[in-house]
Protein backbone atom coordinates (compact mmCIF):
# COMPACT_ATOMS: atom_id res chain seq x y z
CA MET A 1 21.44 -93.06 34.40
CA ALA A 2 17.75 -93.89 34.99
CA ASP A 3 16.79 -90.23 35.07
CA SER A 4 18.40 -89.67 31.75
CA PHE A 5 16.37 -91.84 29.86
CA ALA A 6 13.32 -92.02 31.50
CA GLY A 7 12.63 -88.88 33.59
CA PRO A 8 10.73 -87.02 31.25
CA LEU A 9 8.97 -90.18 30.34
CA LEU A 10 8.14 -90.79 34.34
CA ARG A 11 7.24 -87.09 34.56
CA GLN A 12 4.75 -87.73 31.74
CA LEU A 13 2.88 -90.66 33.28
CA ALA A 14 2.91 -89.32 36.66
CA ALA A 15 1.09 -86.10 35.25
CA ALA A 16 -1.50 -88.24 33.73
CA ALA A 17 -1.92 -90.27 36.94
CA ARG A 18 -2.24 -86.98 39.13
CA ARG A 19 -4.93 -86.23 36.43
CA GLY A 20 -6.58 -89.47 36.90
CA GLU A 21 -6.49 -90.44 33.21
CA PRO A 22 -5.52 -93.85 31.58
CA CYS A 23 -1.94 -94.18 30.25
CA PRO A 24 -1.13 -92.34 27.49
CA SER A 25 -0.29 -94.15 24.19
CA ASN A 26 2.86 -94.45 22.58
CA ARG A 27 2.35 -91.87 19.78
CA GLU A 28 0.91 -89.61 22.44
CA LEU A 29 4.02 -90.00 24.47
CA ALA A 30 6.53 -89.49 21.84
CA ALA A 31 4.96 -86.41 20.96
CA ALA A 32 4.78 -84.84 24.27
CA LEU A 33 8.34 -85.85 24.65
CA GLY A 34 9.88 -84.84 21.21
CA LEU A 35 10.82 -88.42 20.25
CA GLY A 36 10.57 -89.48 16.51
CA MET A 37 9.14 -92.97 16.57
CA PRO A 38 6.59 -94.54 18.99
CA GLN A 39 8.84 -97.35 19.12
CA GLN A 40 11.23 -95.40 21.43
CA VAL A 41 8.40 -94.86 23.97
CA GLN A 42 8.15 -98.80 24.08
CA TRP A 43 11.89 -99.25 24.29
CA ARG A 44 11.92 -96.78 27.47
CA LEU A 45 8.93 -97.97 29.26
CA ARG A 46 10.61 -101.70 28.95
CA ALA A 47 13.81 -100.10 30.39
CA ALA A 48 12.20 -98.45 32.97
CA GLU A 49 10.35 -101.52 34.09
CA ALA A 50 13.95 -103.45 33.74
CA ALA A 51 15.47 -101.11 35.97
CA GLY A 52 12.48 -101.60 38.70
CA LEU A 53 11.06 -98.04 38.12
CA ILE A 54 7.56 -98.88 37.42
CA THR A 55 5.05 -101.58 36.77
CA ILE A 56 3.17 -102.37 33.63
CA ARG A 57 0.02 -104.29 34.01
CA ARG A 58 -1.06 -105.33 30.21
CA LEU A 59 -4.73 -105.21 29.79
CA ARG A 60 -6.67 -106.62 26.86
CA THR A 61 -8.71 -103.39 26.09
CA ARG A 62 -8.04 -99.92 25.93
CA PRO A 63 -6.18 -98.52 27.81
CA PHE A 64 -4.10 -101.52 26.89
CA ARG A 65 -1.59 -100.78 29.76
CA VAL A 66 -1.68 -99.31 33.74
CA VAL A 67 1.37 -98.03 34.43
CA ALA A 68 2.34 -97.58 38.35
CA ALA A 69 5.65 -96.22 40.24
CA ALA A 70 7.56 -98.93 41.79
CA ASP A 71 6.96 -97.19 45.07
CA GLY A 72 3.05 -97.05 44.43
CA SER A 73 2.90 -93.32 44.94
CA TRP A 74 1.09 -92.91 41.39
CA ALA A 75 -0.72 -95.14 38.89
CA THR A 76 -2.69 -94.35 35.68
CA ALA A 77 -6.28 -94.99 35.58
CA GLU A 78 -7.46 -98.25 34.42
CA ALA A 79 -9.97 -97.17 32.07
CA ALA A 80 -11.55 -93.97 30.48
CA PRO A 81 -14.97 -93.11 32.58
CA PRO A 82 -18.18 -94.76 30.67
CA ALA A 83 -20.19 -92.92 28.43
CA PRO A 84 -23.36 -90.99 29.79
CA ALA A 85 -26.58 -92.69 29.21
CA LEU A 86 -28.86 -91.46 26.65
CA ALA A 87 -31.67 -89.63 27.35
CA PRO A 88 -35.11 -90.72 27.26
CA ARG A 89 -36.89 -89.69 23.97
CA ARG A 90 -40.42 -90.59 22.62
CA CYS A 91 -41.40 -92.99 20.04
CA LEU A 92 -41.64 -92.03 16.38
CA ASN A 93 -44.69 -94.76 16.23
CA CYS A 94 -46.80 -94.59 19.51
CA ARG A 95 -45.19 -91.34 20.85
CA ARG A 96 -44.47 -93.16 24.28
CA PRO A 97 -41.45 -92.16 25.90
CA PHE A 98 -38.58 -95.04 26.41
CA ARG A 99 -34.80 -94.95 27.10
CA PRO A 100 -33.05 -96.22 23.89
CA GLU A 101 -30.04 -98.68 24.10
CA HIS A 102 -27.86 -96.87 21.53
CA ARG A 103 -28.13 -94.17 19.47
CA HIS A 104 -29.91 -94.98 16.47
CA ARG A 105 -33.10 -96.21 18.13
CA PHE A 106 -36.31 -94.50 17.47
CA LEU A 107 -39.17 -97.07 18.16
CA CYS A 108 -40.07 -98.48 21.66
CA ASP A 109 -39.56 -102.19 22.17
CA PRO A 110 -43.50 -103.15 21.56
CA CYS A 111 -43.62 -100.78 18.16
CA GLY A 112 -40.18 -102.29 17.22
CA ALA A 113 -41.30 -105.91 17.51
CA ARG A 114 -44.25 -104.84 15.66
CA ASN A 115 -42.76 -103.39 12.58
CA SER A 116 -39.86 -105.92 12.41
CA ARG A 117 -42.66 -109.05 11.76
CA VAL A 118 -42.76 -110.05 8.22
CA ALA A 119 -46.37 -110.27 6.39
CA LEU A 120 -46.60 -114.19 5.04
């Protein structure tokens, strides 16, 4: 019985774990398994967990779950790899190099502080 409803699902999860990826979403799993609705994936995951085939650890951030085989032979990754750091750029005002905290930053800290003051 377990293989009839959970076999293809477990194979998809194990393949993601072997690639070092986080747990696929219900929508991605439904598309890969040819299911009509993502809720069917959730039902199958709960049934496989109740049958003792997998353990599911729920998270507050993406990915929202980590799925592992009950025997510990595989587990999906906890999180996606962090984004690469932004490359240094030159300040548009003083032309000194600086490392921005986000991609929409074009002034270094001293120039940014100087330009943010309001003239009274």
